[in-house]
Amino acid sequence: MQVKKLQAESTATQEQKQRLEETVGILEEERSQAAKDRVTAHAGTTAQQELYDRMKTALEAKQSEVQQLQSRILQLERQATALRADLAGKAAELRGKERSLQAYEDNIGLQLDGSLGAGPALGGGSQKDYSALDGGDKGPLAQLRTLMGEAYLLKMAINKQSAGDRKDPLSKEVSTALDAWIMASHTLKKACQNKGL
């Protein structure tokens, strides 16, 4: 009887031991899985941090680039404003010179027309003797003034004839050449006067 009781207790003890071992195995598995989860979570956190750092660096670089571009745009705007102001000043100066030249040419034309008549036209006409302005003197200075008078009248006639066609390249070229010749004639006239001719 005693032996059976001991055997029963031994069997119960073995069963308890087996259940304890199973419980310990389950706990070990859970602990191992928890450790793996921690490692995975840490790796994920590290990857996220690295991604965040890269994105932050890229954003800072873009912000710096934007600031540089804004500074360059501001500089170009200031340069453009200065150029526009300079261009406006030069345009005003050029308009003033054009008005002065036109007034001068008109004055010369009126003086010549009042003294000697209309003069030659592009289509023909009588040849006027502009040396009369110098009292009939036929010297070099008088001849030069005659040619200058012819050039002025010719230029005005060309301008009047081409007034309806401002884009006529030939008239513009001839008028420009006459302007250059007239300016050179003024220089030559001063030289003649200095020489006493």
C-alpha atoms as a PDB file:
ATOM      1  CA  MET A   1       0.000   0.000   0.000  1.00  0.00           C
ATOM      2  CA  GLN A   2       2.802   2.329   0.912  1.00  0.00           C
ATOM      3  CA  VAL A   3       4.619   1.469  -2.297  1.00  0.00           C
ATOM      4  CA  LYS A   4       1.613   2.331  -4.452  1.00  0.00           C
ATOM      5  CA  LYS A   5       1.254   5.636  -2.673  1.00  0.00           C
ATOM      6  CA  LEU A   6       4.900   6.463  -3.324  1.00  0.00           C
ATOM      7  CA  GLN A   7       4.525   5.446  -6.946  1.00  0.00           C
ATOM      8  CA  ALA A   8       1.477   7.698  -7.300  1.00  0.00           C
ATOM      9  CA  GLU A   9       3.330  10.622  -5.747  1.00  0.00           C
ATOM     10  CA  SER A  10       6.308   9.959  -8.006  1.00  0.00           C
ATOM     11  CA  THR A  11       4.054   9.972 -11.044  1.00  0.00           C
ATOM     12  CA  ALA A  12       2.458  13.234  -9.940  1.00  0.00           C
ATOM     13  CA  THR A  13       5.871  14.728  -9.346  1.00  0.00           C
ATOM     14  CA  GLN A  14       6.997  13.693 -12.840  1.00  0.00           C
ATOM     15  CA  GLU A  15       3.897  15.289 -14.364  1.00  0.00           C
ATOM     16  CA  GLN A  16       4.486  18.524 -12.450  1.00  0.00           C
ATOM     17  CA  LYS A  17       8.111  18.513 -13.547  1.00  0.00           C
ATOM     18  CA  GLN A  18       7.057  18.037 -17.166  1.00  0.00           C
ATOM     19  CA  ARG A  19       4.532  20.878 -16.941  1.00  0.00           C
ATOM     20  CA  LEU A  20       7.178  23.111 -15.367  1.00  0.00           C
ATOM     21  CA  GLU A  21       9.629  22.288 -18.158  1.00  0.00           C
ATOM     22  CA  GLU A  22       6.980  23.095 -20.759  1.00  0.00           C
ATOM     23  CA  THR A  23       6.227  26.374 -19.015  1.00  0.00           C
ATOM     24  CA  VAL A  24       9.928  27.205 -18.861  1.00  0.00           C
ATOM     25  CA  GLY A  25      10.254  26.409 -22.603  1.00  0.00           C
ATOM     26  CA  ILE A  26       7.363  28.700 -23.444  1.00  0.00           C
ATOM     27  CA  LEU A  27       8.873  31.487 -21.353  1.00  0.00           C
ATOM     28  CA  GLU A  28      12.241  31.024 -23.052  1.00  0.00           C
ATOM     29  CA  GLU A  29      10.618  31.271 -26.476  1.00  0.00           C
ATOM     30  CA  GLU A  30       8.754  34.407 -25.481  1.00  0.00           C
ATOM     31  CA  ARG A  31      11.920  35.966 -24.094  1.00  0.00           C
ATOM     32  CA  SER A  32      13.825  35.085 -27.267  1.00  0.00           C
ATOM     33  CA  GLN A  33      11.062  36.576 -29.444  1.00  0.00           C
ATOM     34  CA  ALA A  34      10.999  39.703 -27.311  1.00  0.00           C
ATOM     35  CA  ALA A  35      14.756  40.079 -27.769  1.00  0.00           C
ATOM     36  CA  LYS A  36      14.373  39.679 -31.527  1.00  0.00           C
ATOM     37  CA  ASP A  37      11.585  42.268 -31.533  1.00  0.00           C
ATOM     38  CA  ARG A  38      13.795  44.720 -29.664  1.00  0.00           C
ATOM     39  CA  VAL A  39      16.618  44.237 -32.166  1.00  0.00           C
ATOM     40  CA  THR A  40      14.222  44.718 -35.083  1.00  0.00           C
ATOM     41  CA  ALA A  41      12.707  47.810 -33.491  1.00  0.00           C
ATOM     42  CA  HIS A  42      16.162  49.272 -32.860  1.00  0.00           C
ATOM     43  CA  ALA A  43      17.217  48.600 -36.444  1.00  0.00           C
ATOM     44  CA  GLY A  44      14.042  50.252 -37.721  1.00  0.00           C
ATOM     45  CA  THR A  45      14.602  53.267 -35.511  1.00  0.00           C
ATOM     46  CA  THR A  46      18.196  53.575 -36.722  1.00  0.00           C
ATOM     47  CA  ALA A  47      17.113  53.405 -40.372  1.00  0.00           C
ATOM     48  CA  GLN A  48      14.456  56.045 -39.763  1.00  0.00           C
ATOM     49  CA  GLN A  49      16.986  58.296 -38.066  1.00  0.00           C
ATOM     50  CA  GLU A  50      19.430  57.926 -40.949  1.00  0.00           C
ATOM     51  CA  LEU A  51      16.663  58.739 -43.445  1.00  0.00           C
ATOM     52  CA  TYR A  52      15.654  61.772 -41.392  1.00  0.00           C
ATOM     53  CA  ASP A  53      19.253  62.984 -41.240  1.00  0.00           C
ATOM     54  CA  ARG A  54      19.666  62.639 -45.012  1.00  0.00           C
ATOM     55  CA  MET A  55      16.420  64.495 -45.693  1.00  0.00           C
ATOM     56  CA  LYS A  56      17.373  67.252 -43.259  1.00  0.00           C
ATOM     57  CA  THR A  57      20.777  67.690 -44.919  1.00  0.00           C
ATOM     58  CA  ALA A  58      19.182  67.826 -48.383  1.00  0.00           C
ATOM     59  CA  LEU A  59      16.625  70.383 -47.189  1.00  0.00           C
ATOM     60  CA  GLU A  60      19.327  72.607 -45.699  1.00  0.00           C
ATOM     61  CA  ALA A  61      21.270  72.435 -48.972  1.00  0.00           C
ATOM     62  CA  LYS A  62      18.155  73.432 -50.932  1.00  0.00           C
ATOM     63  CA  GLN A  63      17.473  76.333 -48.581  1.00  0.00           C
ATOM     64  CA  SER A  64      21.038  77.572 -49.039  1.00  0.00           C
ATOM     65  CA  GLU A  65      20.678  77.289 -52.816  1.00  0.00           C
ATOM     66  CA  VAL A  66      17.393  79.218 -52.730  1.00  0.00           C
ATOM     67  CA  GLN A  67      19.004  81.997 -50.681  1.00  0.00           C
ATOM     68  CA  GLN A  68      21.871  82.251 -53.174  1.00  0.00           C
ATOM     69  CA  LEU A  69      19.425  82.434 -56.086  1.00  0.00           C
ATOM     70  CA  GLN A  70      17.363  85.112 -54.344  1.00  0.00           C
ATOM     71  CA  SER A  71      20.513  87.141 -53.720  1.00  0.00           C
ATOM     72  CA  ARG A  72      21.523  86.799 -57.379  1.00  0.00           C
ATOM     73  CA  ILE A  73      18.043  87.828 -58.557  1.00  0.00           C
ATOM     74  CA  LEU A  74      18.149  90.913 -56.330  1.00  0.00           C
ATOM     75  CA  GLN A  75      21.574  91.830 -57.708  1.00  0.00           C
ATOM     76  CA  LEU A  76      20.369  91.435 -61.309  1.00  0.00           C
ATOM     77  CA  GLU A  77      17.289  93.555 -60.580  1.00  0.00           C
ATOM     78  CA  ARG A  78      19.488  96.342 -59.210  1.00  0.00           C
ATOM     79  CA  GLN A  79      21.727  96.141 -62.286  1.00  0.00           C
ATOM     80  CA  ALA A  80      18.687  96.219 -64.583  1.00  0.00           C
ATOM     81  CA  THR A  81      17.324  99.289 -62.784  1.00  0.00           C
ATOM     82  CA  ALA A  82      20.669 101.066 -63.134  1.00  0.00           C
ATOM     83  CA  LEU A  83      20.879 100.152 -66.832  1.00  0.00           C
ATOM     84  CA  ARG A  84      17.336 101.378 -67.471  1.00  0.00           C
ATOM     85  CA  ALA A  85      18.124 104.672 -65.762  1.00  0.00           C
ATOM     86  CA  ASP A  86      21.357 105.031 -67.761  1.00  0.00           C
ATOM     87  CA  LEU A  87      19.544 104.183 -71.001  1.00  0.00           C
ATOM     88  CA  ALA A  88      16.801 106.706 -70.245  1.00  0.00           C
ATOM     89  CA  GLY A  89      19.427 109.388 -69.590  1.00  0.00           C
ATOM     90  CA  LYS A  90      21.276 108.623 -72.817  1.00  0.00           C
ATOM     91  CA  ALA A  91      18.014 108.563 -74.777  1.00  0.00           C
ATOM     92  CA  ALA A  92      17.067 111.979 -73.380  1.00  0.00           C
ATOM     93  CA  GLU A  93      20.536 113.302 -74.234  1.00  0.00           C
ATOM     94  CA  LEU A  94      20.265 111.924 -77.764  1.00  0.00           C
ATOM     95  CA  ARG A  95      16.828 113.476 -78.244  1.00  0.00           C
ATOM     96  CA  GLY A  96      18.232 116.811 -77.095  1.00  0.00           C
ATOM     97  CA  LYS A  97      21.098 116.573 -79.585  1.00  0.00           C
ATOM     98  CA  GLU A  98      18.699 115.612 -82.373  1.00  0.00           C
ATOM     99  CA  ARG A  99      16.494 118.611 -81.597  1.00  0.00           C
ATOM    100  CA  SER A 100      19.521 120.914 -81.532  1.00  0.00           C
ATOM    101  CA  LEU A 101      20.781 119.545 -84.847  1.00  0.00           C
ATOM    102  CA  GLN A 102      17.355 119.840 -86.434  1.00  0.00           C
ATOM    103  CA  ALA A 103      16.995 123.422 -85.205  1.00  0.00           C
ATOM    104  CA  TYR A 104      20.461 124.230 -86.551  1.00  0.00           C
ATOM    105  CA  GLU A 105      19.684 122.687 -89.935  1.00  0.00           C
ATOM    106  CA  ASP A 106      16.349 124.484 -90.116  1.00  0.00           C
ATOM    107  CA  ASN A 107      18.049 127.779 -89.301  1.00  0.00           C
ATOM    108  CA  ILE A 108      20.703 127.263 -91.977  1.00  0.00           C
ATOM    109  CA  GLY A 109      18.035 126.269 -94.481  1.00  0.00           C
ATOM    110  CA  LEU A 110      16.001 129.394 -93.749  1.00  0.00           C
ATOM    111  CA  GLN A 111      19.078 131.588 -94.121  1.00  0.00           C
ATOM    112  CA  LEU A 112      19.966 130.018 -97.464  1.00  0.00           C
ATOM    113  CA  ASP A 113      16.395 130.081 -98.755  1.00  0.00           C
ATOM    114  CA  GLY A 114      15.961 133.702 -97.703  1.00  0.00           C
ATOM    115  CA  SER A 115      19.161 134.831 -99.414  1.00  0.00           C
ATOM    116  CA  LEU A 116      19.230 132.736-102.583  1.00  0.00           C
ATOM    117  CA  GLY A 117      15.870 131.091-103.185  1.00  0.00           C
ATOM    118  CA  ALA A 118      14.856 127.454-102.924  1.00  0.00           C
ATOM    119  CA  GLY A 119      18.080 126.038-104.398  1.00  0.00           C
ATOM    120  CA  PRO A 120      18.390 122.716-106.254  1.00  0.00           C
ATOM    121  CA  ALA A 121      16.018 119.819-105.699  1.00  0.00           C
ATOM    122  CA  LEU A 122      16.590 116.144-106.174  1.00  0.00           C
ATOM    123  CA  GLY A 123      14.723 116.169-109.457  1.00  0.00           C
ATOM    124  CA  GLY A 124      16.757 119.028-110.962  1.00  0.00           C
ATOM    125  CA  GLY A 125      16.509 122.834-110.847  1.00  0.00           C
ATOM    126  CA  SER A 126      18.718 125.857-111.257  1.00  0.00           C
ATOM    127  CA  GLN A 127      22.206 125.946-109.799  1.00  0.00           C
ATOM    128  CA  LYS A 128      22.532 128.714-107.170  1.00  0.00           C
ATOM    129  CA  ASP A 129      25.776 130.549-106.493  1.00  0.00           C
ATOM    130  CA  TYR A 130      26.185 130.491-102.705  1.00  0.00           C
ATOM    131  CA  SER A 131      29.380 132.489-102.943  1.00  0.00           C
ATOM    132  CA  ALA A 132      27.120 135.553-103.015  1.00  0.00           C
ATOM    133  CA  LEU A 133      27.043 135.221 -99.252  1.00  0.00           C
ATOM    134  CA  ASP A 134      30.710 136.239 -99.273  1.00  0.00           C
ATOM    135  CA  GLY A 135      30.291 139.212-101.551  1.00  0.00           C
ATOM    136  CA  GLY A 136      31.057 137.314-104.761  1.00  0.00           C
ATOM    137  CA  ASP A 137      34.358 135.988-103.479  1.00  0.00           C
ATOM    138  CA  LYS A 138      35.383 132.815-105.329  1.00  0.00           C
ATOM    139  CA  GLY A 139      38.083 131.783-102.857  1.00  0.00           C
ATOM    140  CA  PRO A 140      38.336 128.326-101.196  1.00  0.00           C
ATOM    141  CA  LEU A 141      36.190 129.296 -98.222  1.00  0.00           C
ATOM    142  CA  ALA A 142      33.441 130.631-100.466  1.00  0.00           C
ATOM    143  CA  GLN A 143      33.535 127.471-102.558  1.00  0.00           C
ATOM    144  CA  LEU A 144      33.360 125.371 -99.412  1.00  0.00           C
ATOM    145  CA  ARG A 145      30.361 127.323 -98.183  1.00  0.00           C
ATOM    146  CA  THR A 146      28.726 126.828-101.567  1.00  0.00           C
ATOM    147  CA  LEU A 147      29.163 123.077-101.257  1.00  0.00           C
ATOM    148  CA  MET A 148      27.933 123.119 -97.654  1.00  0.00           C
ATOM    149  CA  GLY A 149      24.813 125.006 -98.719  1.00  0.00           C
ATOM    150  CA  GLU A 150      24.187 122.481-101.476  1.00  0.00           C
ATOM    151  CA  ALA A 151      24.645 119.639 -98.981  1.00  0.00           C
ATOM    152  CA  TYR A 152      22.191 121.160 -96.497  1.00  0.00           C
ATOM    153  CA  LEU A 153      19.520 121.683 -99.139  1.00  0.00           C
ATOM    154  CA  LEU A 154      20.095 118.224-100.582  1.00  0.00           C
ATOM    155  CA  LYS A 155      19.780 116.648 -97.145  1.00  0.00           C
ATOM    156  CA  MET A 156      16.548 118.528 -96.409  1.00  0.00           C
ATOM    157  CA  ALA A 157      15.151 117.577 -99.814  1.00  0.00           C
ATOM    158  CA  ILE A 158      15.980 113.908 -99.188  1.00  0.00           C
ATOM    159  CA  ASN A 159      14.377 114.030 -95.740  1.00  0.00           C
ATOM    160  CA  LYS A 160      11.264 115.677 -97.178  1.00  0.00           C
ATOM    161  CA  GLN A 161      11.032 113.216-100.058  1.00  0.00           C
ATOM    162  CA  SER A 162      11.479 110.175 -97.791  1.00  0.00           C
ATOM    163  CA  ALA A 163       9.159 111.486 -95.048  1.00  0.00           C
ATOM    164  CA  GLY A 164       6.457 109.102 -96.193  1.00  0.00           C
ATOM    165  CA  ASP A 165       8.816 106.131 -96.157  1.00  0.00           C
ATOM    166  CA  ARG A 166      10.976 106.184 -93.025  1.00  0.00           C
ATOM    167  CA  LYS A 167      12.321 102.718 -93.761  1.00  0.00           C
ATOM    168  CA  ASP A 168      13.944 103.665 -97.085  1.00  0.00           C
ATOM    169  CA  PRO A 169      17.508 102.349 -96.539  1.00  0.00           C
ATOM    170  CA  LEU A 170      19.031 104.271 -99.468  1.00  0.00           C
ATOM    171  CA  SER A 171      17.693 107.657 -98.317  1.00  0.00           C
ATOM    172  CA  LYS A 172      18.889 106.950 -94.797  1.00  0.00           C
ATOM    173  CA  GLU A 173      22.337 105.972 -96.069  1.00  0.00           C
ATOM    174  CA  VAL A 174      22.633 109.123 -98.211  1.00  0.00           C
ATOM    175  CA  SER A 175      21.401 111.325 -95.352  1.00  0.00           C
ATOM    176  CA  THR A 176      23.930 109.762 -92.975  1.00  0.00           C
ATOM    177  CA  ALA A 177      26.731 110.311 -95.492  1.00  0.00           C
ATOM    178  CA  LEU A 178      25.682 113.952 -95.897  1.00  0.00           C
ATOM    179  CA  ASP A 179      25.717 114.412 -92.112  1.00  0.00           C
ATOM    180  CA  ALA A 180      29.270 113.095 -91.977  1.00  0.00           C
ATOM    181  CA  TRP A 181      30.326 115.325 -94.892  1.00  0.00           C
ATOM    182  CA  ILE A 182      28.735 118.411 -93.324  1.00  0.00           C
ATOM    183  CA  MET A 183      30.490 117.817 -90.010  1.00  0.00           C
ATOM    184  CA  ALA A 184      33.798 117.374 -91.838  1.00  0.00           C
ATOM    185  CA  SER A 185      33.097 120.583 -93.782  1.00  0.00           C
ATOM    186  CA  HIS A 186      32.689 122.519 -90.545  1.00  0.00           C
ATOM    187  CA  THR A 187      36.118 121.316 -89.452  1.00  0.00           C
ATOM    188  CA  LEU A 188      37.582 122.245 -92.836  1.00  0.00           C
ATOM    189  CA  LYS A 189      35.922 125.671 -92.711  1.00  0.00           C
ATOM    190  CA  LYS A 190      37.513 126.384 -89.331  1.00  0.00           C
ATOM    191  CA  ALA A 191      40.878 125.332 -90.726  1.00  0.00           C
ATOM    192  CA  CYS A 192      40.419 127.682 -93.701  1.00  0.00           C
ATOM    193  CA  GLN A 193      39.492 130.539 -91.398  1.00  0.00           C
ATOM    194  CA  ASN A 194      42.535 129.891 -89.248  1.00  0.00           C
ATOM    195  CA  LYS A 195      44.708 129.955 -92.379  1.00  0.00           C
ATOM    196  CA  GLY A 196      43.123 133.250 -93.451  1.00  0.00           C
ATOM    197  CA  LEU A 197      41.774 131.799 -96.704  1.00  0.00           C
END
